[in-house]
Protein backbone atom coordinates (compact mmCIF):
# COMPACT_ATOMS: atom_id res chain seq x y z
CA MET A 1 -2.04 6.13 -6.58
CA SER A 2 -0.82 4.24 -3.46
CA SER A 3 1.97 1.71 -3.91
CA ALA A 4 1.85 -2.02 -3.13
CA HIS A 5 1.33 -3.08 0.04
CA ASP A 6 2.17 -6.99 1.48
CA GLY A 7 -1.10 -6.38 4.40
CA ARG A 8 1.50 -6.32 7.40
CA ALA A 9 0.91 -3.98 10.24
CA LEU A 10 -2.20 -2.01 9.01
CA PRO A 11 -3.66 0.12 11.77
CA PRO A 12 -7.07 -1.31 13.20
CA LEU A 13 -9.80 -0.37 11.75
CA VAL A 14 -11.94 1.19 14.84
CA GLU A 15 -11.41 2.00 18.33
CA PRO A 16 -12.39 -0.22 21.20
CA ALA A 17 -15.48 -0.17 22.76
CA ASP A 18 -16.37 0.29 26.64
CA ALA A 19 -15.23 -2.45 28.45
CA LEU A 20 -17.19 -5.92 27.90
CA GLU A 21 -19.96 -7.49 29.99
CA PRO A 22 -19.56 -10.42 32.04
CA ASP A 23 -21.55 -12.69 29.55
CA GLU A 24 -19.70 -11.20 26.83
CA LEU A 25 -16.32 -12.24 28.65
CA ASP A 26 -17.64 -15.77 28.78
CA ARG A 27 -18.95 -15.91 24.97
CA TYR A 28 -15.55 -14.39 23.60
CA SER A 29 -12.98 -16.23 26.05
CA ARG A 30 -11.66 -18.04 23.38
CA HIS A 31 -10.58 -14.85 21.49
CA ILE A 32 -9.57 -13.60 24.45
CA LEU A 33 -7.12 -15.81 24.89
CA LEU A 34 -5.44 -14.82 21.67
CA PRO A 35 -2.68 -12.58 22.59
CA GLU A 36 -3.10 -11.19 19.00
CA ILE A 37 -6.86 -10.42 19.83
CA GLY A 38 -7.47 -10.08 23.59
CA ALA A 39 -10.01 -8.11 25.31
CA THR A 40 -8.74 -4.94 23.65
CA GLY A 41 -9.51 -6.58 20.07
CA GLN A 42 -12.64 -7.95 21.15
CA ARG A 43 -13.90 -4.41 22.30
CA ARG A 44 -12.96 -3.18 19.03
CA LEU A 45 -15.30 -6.00 17.29
CA LYS A 46 -17.79 -4.87 19.80
CA ASN A 47 -17.71 -1.08 17.97
CA ALA A 48 -17.45 -2.06 14.54
CA ARG A 49 -19.66 -1.84 11.69
CA VAL A 50 -19.63 -4.43 8.98
CA LEU A 51 -21.71 -4.38 5.76
CA VAL A 52 -22.19 -7.32 3.73
CA ILE A 53 -23.22 -7.68 0.11
CA GLY A 54 -25.17 -10.40 -0.51
CA ALA A 55 -26.75 -12.56 1.82
CA GLY A 56 -25.91 -15.96 -0.58
CA GLY A 57 -23.70 -18.34 -0.74
CA LEU A 58 -20.58 -16.38 0.71
CA GLY A 59 -22.66 -13.86 2.68
CA SER A 60 -24.14 -16.80 4.55
CA PRO A 61 -20.99 -17.84 6.28
CA VAL A 62 -19.46 -14.33 6.40
CA LEU A 63 -22.65 -13.40 8.46
CA LEU A 64 -22.52 -16.32 10.74
CA HIS A 65 -18.74 -15.90 11.68
CA LEU A 66 -19.04 -12.19 11.98
CA ALA A 67 -21.99 -12.53 14.41
CA ALA A 68 -20.47 -15.20 16.19
CA ALA A 69 -17.21 -13.18 16.95
CA GLY A 70 -19.17 -10.44 18.30
CA VAL A 71 -18.96 -7.93 15.45
CA GLY A 72 -21.28 -4.94 17.06
CA THR A 73 -23.51 -3.74 13.63
CA LEU A 74 -23.44 -6.24 10.62
CA GLY A 75 -25.60 -4.63 7.49
CA ILE A 76 -26.95 -6.73 4.74
CA VAL A 77 -27.86 -5.39 1.32
CA ASP A 78 -29.79 -8.16 -0.71
CA ASP A 79 -32.98 -8.05 -2.40
CA ASP A 80 -33.57 -11.62 -3.21
CA ARG A 81 -35.81 -14.00 -1.54
CA VAL A 82 -34.88 -17.65 -0.64
CA GLU A 83 -35.36 -20.51 -2.65
CA ALA A 84 -35.07 -24.38 -1.87
CA SER A 85 -32.14 -24.45 -4.63
CA ASN A 86 -30.34 -22.14 -2.04
CA LEU A 87 -30.29 -24.31 1.02
CA GLN A 88 -27.22 -26.65 -0.25
CA ARG A 89 -24.97 -23.57 0.02
CA GLN A 90 -26.80 -20.63 1.73
CA ILE A 91 -26.37 -21.94 5.44
CA ILE A 92 -27.74 -19.22 7.31
CA HIS A 93 -31.23 -19.69 5.64
CA THR A 94 -33.76 -23.12 6.28
CA THR A 95 -36.29 -24.67 5.07
CA ALA A 96 -38.84 -22.79 6.92
CA ASP A 97 -37.59 -19.60 5.10
CA VAL A 98 -38.30 -20.38 1.81
CA GLY A 99 -39.96 -17.58 -0.12
CA ARG A 100 -38.89 -14.99 3.03
CA ARG A 101 -36.46 -12.13 1.93
CA LYS A 102 -33.11 -13.12 2.58
CA VAL A 103 -32.42 -10.14 4.68
CA ASP A 104 -34.96 -10.77 7.13
CA SER A 105 -34.37 -14.60 7.47
CA ALA A 106 -30.30 -13.86 8.03
CA ARG A 107 -31.56 -11.41 10.50
CA ASP A 108 -33.84 -13.78 12.61
CA ALA A 109 -30.39 -16.64 12.10
CA ILE A 110 -27.97 -13.99 13.68
CA ALA A 111 -30.16 -12.96 16.48
CA ALA A 112 -30.85 -16.59 17.10
CA LEU A 113 -27.07 -16.99 17.50
CA ASN A 114 -25.99 -13.64 19.12
CA PRO A 115 -28.37 -11.23 20.22
CA ARG A 116 -25.99 -8.64 21.04
CA VAL A 117 -25.36 -7.75 17.52
CA GLN A 118 -27.37 -5.14 15.96
CA VAL A 119 -28.53 -6.40 12.25
CA ASP A 120 -29.31 -3.28 9.82
CA VAL A 121 -30.80 -4.80 6.75
CA HIS A 122 -31.23 -2.93 3.09
CA PRO A 123 -33.36 -5.21 1.15
CA TYR A 124 -32.88 -3.54 -2.03
CA ARG A 125 -30.05 -3.35 -5.09
CA LEU A 126 -26.85 -1.26 -4.60
CA THR A 127 -26.98 1.25 -7.24
CA GLU A 128 -24.71 4.24 -8.31
CA HIS A 129 -27.19 6.35 -6.42
CA ASN A 130 -26.74 4.86 -3.14
CA ALA A 131 -23.64 2.63 -2.94
CA VAL A 132 -21.00 5.39 -1.71
CA GLN A 133 -23.29 7.01 1.14
CA LEU A 134 -24.32 3.69 2.28
CA ILE A 135 -20.84 2.11 2.37
CA GLY A 136 -19.54 5.19 4.25
CA ARG A 137 -21.91 4.26 6.91
CA TYR A 138 -19.65 1.32 7.73
CA ASP A 139 -15.92 0.58 8.82
CA LEU A 140 -15.58 -1.82 5.78
CA VAL A 141 -17.28 -3.65 3.32
CA ILE A 142 -17.56 -7.22 2.29
CA ASP A 143 -18.75 -8.10 -1.15
CA GLY A 144 -20.23 -11.64 -1.83
CA ALA A 145 -22.47 -10.47 -4.19
CA ASP A 146 -22.86 -13.21 -7.87
CA ASN A 147 -22.40 -10.75 -10.62
CA PHE A 148 -19.84 -8.31 -12.12
CA THR A 149 -22.00 -5.12 -12.17
CA THR A 150 -22.01 -5.39 -8.23
CA ARG A 151 -18.15 -6.18 -7.96
CA TYR A 152 -16.88 -3.48 -9.57
CA LEU A 153 -19.54 -0.89 -7.98
CA VAL A 154 -18.58 -2.18 -4.65
CA SER A 155 -14.89 -1.44 -5.53
CA ASP A 156 -15.53 1.85 -6.86
CA ALA A 157 -17.86 2.96 -3.89
CA ALA A 158 -15.41 1.60 -1.36
CA GLU A 159 -12.31 3.47 -2.88
CA LEU A 160 -14.44 6.95 -2.89
CA ALA A 161 -15.68 6.11 0.76
CA GLY A 162 -12.30 5.52 1.40
CA ARG A 163 -13.38 1.75 3.09
CA PRO A 164 -11.48 -1.15 2.79
CA HIS A 165 -13.03 -4.19 0.74
CA VAL A 166 -13.03 -7.89 1.31
CA TRP A 167 -14.04 -9.83 -1.91
CA GLY A 168 -14.63 -13.46 -2.60
CA SER A 169 -15.46 -15.44 -5.63
CA ILE A 170 -16.78 -18.98 -6.11
CA LEU A 171 -17.37 -21.40 -9.18
CA ARG A 172 -17.78 -25.23 -9.17
CA PHE A 173 -14.90 -26.36 -7.07
CA ALA A 174 -12.62 -22.87 -7.16
CA ALA A 175 -12.84 -19.68 -5.41
CA GLN A 176 -11.13 -16.46 -5.22
CA VAL A 177 -10.60 -14.37 -2.10
CA SER A 178 -8.80 -11.11 -1.59
CA VAL A 179 -8.50 -7.87 0.03
CA PHE A 180 -8.60 -4.46 -1.74
CA TRP A 181 -7.93 -0.74 -0.09
CA ALA A 182 -7.05 2.02 -2.42
CA ALA A 183 -5.92 3.82 0.69
CA TYR A 184 -2.81 1.09 0.83
CA GLY A 185 -2.79 -0.97 -2.07
CA PRO A 186 -4.78 -2.27 -4.87
CA THR A 187 -8.33 -2.32 -5.99
CA TYR A 188 -10.54 -4.96 -7.58
CA ARG A 189 -10.13 -2.88 -10.82
CA ASP A 190 -6.01 -3.35 -10.39
CA LEU A 191 -6.73 -6.98 -10.67
CA TYR A 192 -9.60 -7.04 -12.89
CA PRO A 193 -9.24 -3.92 -15.37
CA ASP A 194 -11.80 -4.67 -17.96
CA VAL A 195 -15.72 -5.07 -17.54
CA PRO A 196 -16.69 -8.39 -18.83
CA PRO A 197 -19.88 -8.78 -20.90
CA PRO A 198 -22.68 -10.84 -18.63
CA GLU A 199 -22.56 -13.82 -20.87
CA SER A 200 -18.55 -14.19 -20.75
CA ALA A 201 -18.85 -16.38 -17.73
CA PRO A 202 -21.31 -18.98 -16.34
CA THR A 203 -23.15 -18.38 -13.00
CA CYS A 204 -23.58 -21.27 -10.73
CA GLY A 205 -27.04 -21.81 -11.86
CA GLU A 206 -25.45 -22.95 -15.03
CA ALA A 207 -22.06 -24.65 -13.57
CA GLY A 208 -23.02 -25.42 -10.05
CA VAL A 209 -20.88 -25.13 -6.98
CA LEU A 210 -19.81 -27.12 -4.17
CA GLY A 211 -22.13 -26.26 -1.32
CA ALA A 212 -19.01 -26.77 1.27
CA LEU A 213 -16.71 -24.32 -0.87
CA CYS A 214 -18.93 -21.52 0.25
CA GLY A 215 -17.99 -22.24 3.81
CA VAL A 216 -14.51 -22.37 2.96
CA ALA A 217 -14.22 -18.73 0.93
CA GLY A 218 -16.76 -17.32 3.28
CA SER A 219 -14.52 -18.31 6.62
CA MET A 220 -11.60 -16.86 4.85
CA MET A 221 -13.38 -13.49 4.03
CA ALA A 222 -14.45 -13.35 7.85
CA ALA A 223 -11.17 -14.28 8.98
CA GLU A 224 -9.59 -11.31 6.77
CA ALA A 225 -12.59 -9.02 8.02
CA VAL A 226 -11.36 -9.84 11.72
CA LYS A 227 -7.75 -8.97 11.08
CA LEU A 228 -8.38 -5.68 9.48
CA LEU A 229 -10.87 -4.87 12.39
CA THR A 230 -8.48 -5.53 14.70
CA GLY A 231 -5.18 -4.72 13.24
CA THR A 232 -4.26 -8.46 13.61
CA GLY A 233 -1.75 -10.57 11.37
CA ARG A 234 -1.18 -9.80 7.80
CA CYS A 235 -4.42 -9.34 5.69
CA LEU A 236 -4.72 -10.68 1.92
CA LEU A 237 -4.10 -6.73 0.80
CA GLY A 238 -2.10 -7.34 -2.25
CA ARG A 239 -2.21 -11.04 -2.83
CA LEU A 240 -5.10 -13.07 -4.06
CA SER A 241 -5.60 -16.38 -2.42
CA ILE A 242 -6.64 -19.31 -5.17
CA PHE A 243 -7.77 -22.51 -3.94
CA ASP A 244 -9.56 -25.45 -5.72
CA LEU A 245 -11.29 -28.15 -3.23
CA ALA A 246 -11.48 -30.50 -6.26
CA GLU A 247 -7.84 -31.04 -6.31
CA SER A 248 -7.10 -30.16 -3.09
CA THR A 249 -4.79 -26.86 -3.95
CA MET A 250 -3.69 -23.68 -2.81
CA ARG A 251 -2.02 -20.72 -4.40
CA GLU A 252 -1.36 -17.20 -4.05
CA ILE A 253 -0.52 -14.37 -6.42
CA ARG A 254 0.67 -10.82 -5.98
CA VAL A 255 -1.75 -7.69 -6.87
CA ALA A 256 -0.21 -4.53 -7.31
CA PRO A 257 -1.88 -0.85 -8.11
CA ASP A 258 -1.64 -0.25 -11.49
CA PRO A 259 0.28 2.94 -12.28
CA LYS A 260 -1.85 3.83 -15.24
CA ARG A 261 -5.34 3.60 -13.55
CA ALA A 262 -6.92 6.89 -12.95
CA PRO A 263 -8.43 7.13 -9.40
CA VAL A 264 -12.08 6.71 -9.41
CA THR A 265 -13.79 10.05 -9.32
CA ARG A 266 -17.40 9.21 -9.19
CA LEU A 267 -19.71 6.07 -10.02
CA LEU A 268 -21.39 5.30 -13.47
CA PRO A 269 -24.38 3.61 -14.67
CA ALA A 270 -23.74 -0.05 -15.53
CA THR A 271 -22.61 -0.15 -18.82
CA PRO A 272 -24.21 -2.04 -21.71
CA ALA A 273 -21.68 -4.55 -21.67
CA CYS A 274 -21.86 -5.01 -17.45
CA ALA A 275 -25.79 -4.72 -17.46
CA VAL A 276 -27.86 -7.69 -17.85
CA PRO A 277 -30.47 -7.25 -20.44
CA GLY A 278 -34.09 -7.31 -19.18
CA PRO A 279 -37.50 -6.70 -19.68
CA ALA A 280 -36.63 -3.23 -21.80
CA THR A 281 -34.70 -4.82 -24.16
CA ILE A 282 -36.00 -8.17 -24.72
CA ASP A 283 -39.66 -9.03 -25.18
CA THR A 284 -41.65 -11.61 -22.46
CA LEU A 285 -44.82 -13.32 -22.92
CA SER A 286 -46.65 -14.72 -20.03
CA VAL A 287 -47.02 -18.49 -19.03
CA SER A 288 -50.92 -17.91 -19.89
CA ASP A 289 -49.91 -16.93 -23.23
CA LEU A 290 -47.45 -19.68 -24.04
CA ARG A 291 -50.00 -22.13 -22.61
CA GLY A 292 -52.11 -20.88 -25.57
CA VAL A 293 -49.70 -21.42 -27.99
CA ILE A 294 -49.00 -24.67 -27.22
CA PHE A 295 -52.66 -26.13 -26.27
CA GLU A 296 -54.50 -23.86 -28.17
CA GLN A 297 -52.88 -22.48 -31.30
CA PRO A 298 -50.90 -26.18 -32.25
CA GLY A 299 -50.42 -24.85 -35.93
CA ALA A 300 -48.42 -21.86 -34.38
CA LEU A 301 -45.34 -24.61 -33.34
CA ALA A 302 -44.75 -25.01 -36.64
CA GLU A 303 -43.68 -21.78 -36.92
CA LEU A 304 -41.48 -21.50 -33.62
CA ASP A 305 -39.04 -22.99 -31.52
CA ILE A 306 -39.39 -23.42 -27.67
CA ILE A 307 -35.58 -23.61 -26.24
CA ASP A 308 -34.75 -24.23 -22.64
CA VAL A 309 -31.10 -22.73 -22.17
CA ARG A 310 -30.55 -24.59 -18.83
CA GLU A 311 -28.04 -27.03 -18.08
CA PRO A 312 -28.93 -31.16 -19.60
CA ALA A 313 -29.39 -32.22 -16.05
CA GLU A 314 -31.71 -29.46 -15.34
CA PHE A 315 -33.83 -30.10 -18.48
CA GLU A 316 -34.04 -33.93 -17.89
CA LEU A 317 -35.87 -32.88 -14.32
CA ALA A 318 -38.26 -30.94 -15.57
CA ARG A 319 -39.45 -29.22 -19.03
CA ILE A 320 -41.89 -27.51 -20.79
CA PRO A 321 -44.13 -29.79 -23.75
CA HIS A 322 -42.10 -29.22 -27.35
CA ALA A 323 -39.38 -27.32 -25.68
CA ARG A 324 -35.67 -28.44 -26.94
CA SER A 325 -32.50 -28.22 -25.03
CA VAL A 326 -29.94 -25.30 -25.84
CA PRO A 327 -27.77 -24.67 -22.80
CA LEU A 328 -26.82 -21.22 -22.44
CA SER A 329 -22.91 -22.52 -21.65
CA GLY A 330 -22.78 -24.01 -25.00
CA LEU A 331 -24.24 -20.86 -26.61
CA ARG A 332 -21.74 -18.58 -25.17
CA ARG A 333 -19.46 -20.75 -27.40
CA THR A 334 -21.06 -21.18 -30.96
CA ARG A 335 -23.01 -17.74 -30.39
CA VAL A 336 -25.75 -19.37 -32.95
CA LEU A 337 -28.16 -21.74 -32.99
CA GLU A 338 -26.87 -24.36 -35.91
CA GLY A 339 -29.46 -25.47 -38.34
CA THR A 340 -31.72 -22.54 -37.16
CA PRO A 341 -32.30 -19.78 -39.58
CA VAL A 342 -32.10 -16.44 -38.54
CA GLU A 343 -35.92 -15.54 -38.92
CA ARG A 344 -37.27 -18.27 -36.90
CA ARG A 345 -39.34 -17.23 -34.20
CA LEU A 346 -37.94 -18.18 -30.45
CA ILE A 347 -39.26 -18.58 -27.30
CA LEU A 348 -36.53 -19.01 -24.57
CA TYR A 349 -36.87 -19.94 -20.81
CA CYS A 350 -34.73 -20.83 -18.09
CA LYS A 351 -35.50 -21.74 -14.19
CA ALA A 352 -36.79 -17.68 -13.33
CA GLY A 353 -35.38 -15.81 -16.29
CA PRO A 354 -31.87 -14.27 -16.03
CA ARG A 355 -30.05 -17.40 -18.27
CA ALA A 356 -32.71 -16.48 -20.73
CA HIS A 357 -32.10 -13.07 -21.21
CA ALA A 358 -28.32 -13.42 -21.56
CA ALA A 359 -29.14 -16.44 -24.31
CA ALA A 360 -31.60 -13.89 -25.97
CA ALA A 361 -28.92 -11.41 -25.93
CA ILE A 362 -26.82 -13.46 -27.56
CA LEU A 363 -29.31 -14.45 -30.37
CA ARG A 364 -30.04 -10.60 -30.90
CA GLN A 365 -26.39 -10.22 -31.52
CA ALA A 366 -26.38 -13.14 -33.95
CA GLY A 367 -29.33 -11.85 -35.95
CA TYR A 368 -32.15 -13.67 -34.66
CA ALA A 369 -34.92 -10.72 -34.34
CA GLU A 370 -38.06 -12.42 -33.36
CA VAL A 371 -36.88 -13.43 -29.66
CA ARG A 372 -38.96 -13.63 -26.81
CA VAL A 373 -38.28 -15.05 -22.98
CA LEU A 374 -40.70 -16.68 -20.81
CA ASP A 375 -41.67 -14.58 -17.86
CA GLY A 376 -40.40 -16.20 -14.58
CA GLY A 377 -39.04 -19.36 -16.45
CA ILE A 378 -40.03 -22.48 -15.51
CA ASP A 379 -40.70 -21.88 -12.00
CA ALA A 380 -43.51 -19.71 -13.10
CA TRP A 381 -44.87 -22.62 -15.84
CA LEU A 382 -44.52 -25.54 -12.86
CA THR A 383 -46.40 -22.76 -10.36
CA ALA A 384 -48.77 -22.58 -12.74
CA LEU A 385 -49.48 -25.86 -13.52
CA GLY A 386 -50.05 -26.78 -9.50
CA ASP A 387 -51.06 -30.16 -8.82
CA GLU A 388 -52.71 -31.14 -12.18
CA ALA A 389 -51.30 -34.40 -13.46
CA GLN A 390 -51.57 -33.00 -16.64
CA VAL A 391 -51.66 -29.93 -18.32
CA PRO A 392 -54.79 -28.61 -20.70
CA GLY A 393 -54.32 -30.41 -24.17
CA GLY A 394 -53.20 -33.88 -22.68
CA LEU A 395 -49.70 -33.03 -22.82
CA PRO A 396 -47.71 -34.18 -19.62
CA CYS A 397 -45.38 -31.53 -18.47
CA ASP A 398 -42.43 -34.29 -16.59
CA ARG A 399 -42.46 -32.28 -13.11
CA ARG A 400 -40.40 -34.67 -11.23
CA GLU A 401 -38.53 -32.10 -9.83
CA VAL A 402 -38.07 -28.51 -10.43
CA GLY A 403 -34.82 -27.56 -12.09
CA THR A 404 -32.38 -25.60 -9.96
């Protein structure tokens, strides 16, 4: 295990590329004017290969800044598609990209910004089967993931591949950014040794996030990458930067390797404490099935509860008939449904599914056996509703806006 490092005087990650072309000298002139970077540093950026995990809130500014900076090859890992609710903070995507794969949208945005950058798209999830091999193909990995499973996986794979790891995390108005590198200092596991359960912290979909926060944190992560690639300045290795835009405060804490932590020797599958429960463990039902219950079997409604686990503001924007609001954020604290017997049949839904599955897992642990999740959430419900002013049975569905 390496000792703590303050981030100073780390060697450049890559060798310089051949001489810059005239158009590159013009494009990158403001970098070249910096003595700490200069033409040699810019040639290192041209020769660099950086893998970015996630093309979302953090990945968007990271990718744009690294492309503008002239990083020669950018890899993007993301299996998601662009949604309208992404556009408030995921600035690499536009309205025209809604419904497209994020990796494709990001690739096109980078090409428009800097056609000299090579973009390799990886439209799949990072797993214990592909993480080390994929990260090993790049000089540096940047983690903009939004879940604990991927964060620990990236940290372990980067340690095995011997690669530095730039990491960031955001929620509401606050963010954290750091650099991990087992060869010189701590890893993510030294900062957060214990893998938390998925229901232990709210997501941005539950608690919200200031869009500009993503830009601040993502730009900082891109700057850390540039410093590592060129050997410039003092990076955040061994330090955690914490900032709060609501209070306009920034502070820093030291992070050191845990001498008792055993080095990572192999990647393990996601553990039950870290894996998000899915259809394999929680029963689902389709929109057509739920519509049948509501509009064709009204007597069945007396025997079940339809529960919306989104936040109250989302519930006010759009809801399914007969649903009641029980936000996941509150359920995390109470762990039960007050006044609802455990033998009661429950149907849960959120925007698309993940929060409802997390809520179902909590309720299963509390003893509720008859718990099902609406497949596709209210998004699927409103899509099936189409342009109808009323749903079958004459009960209106408030569809002023799809919950985000």
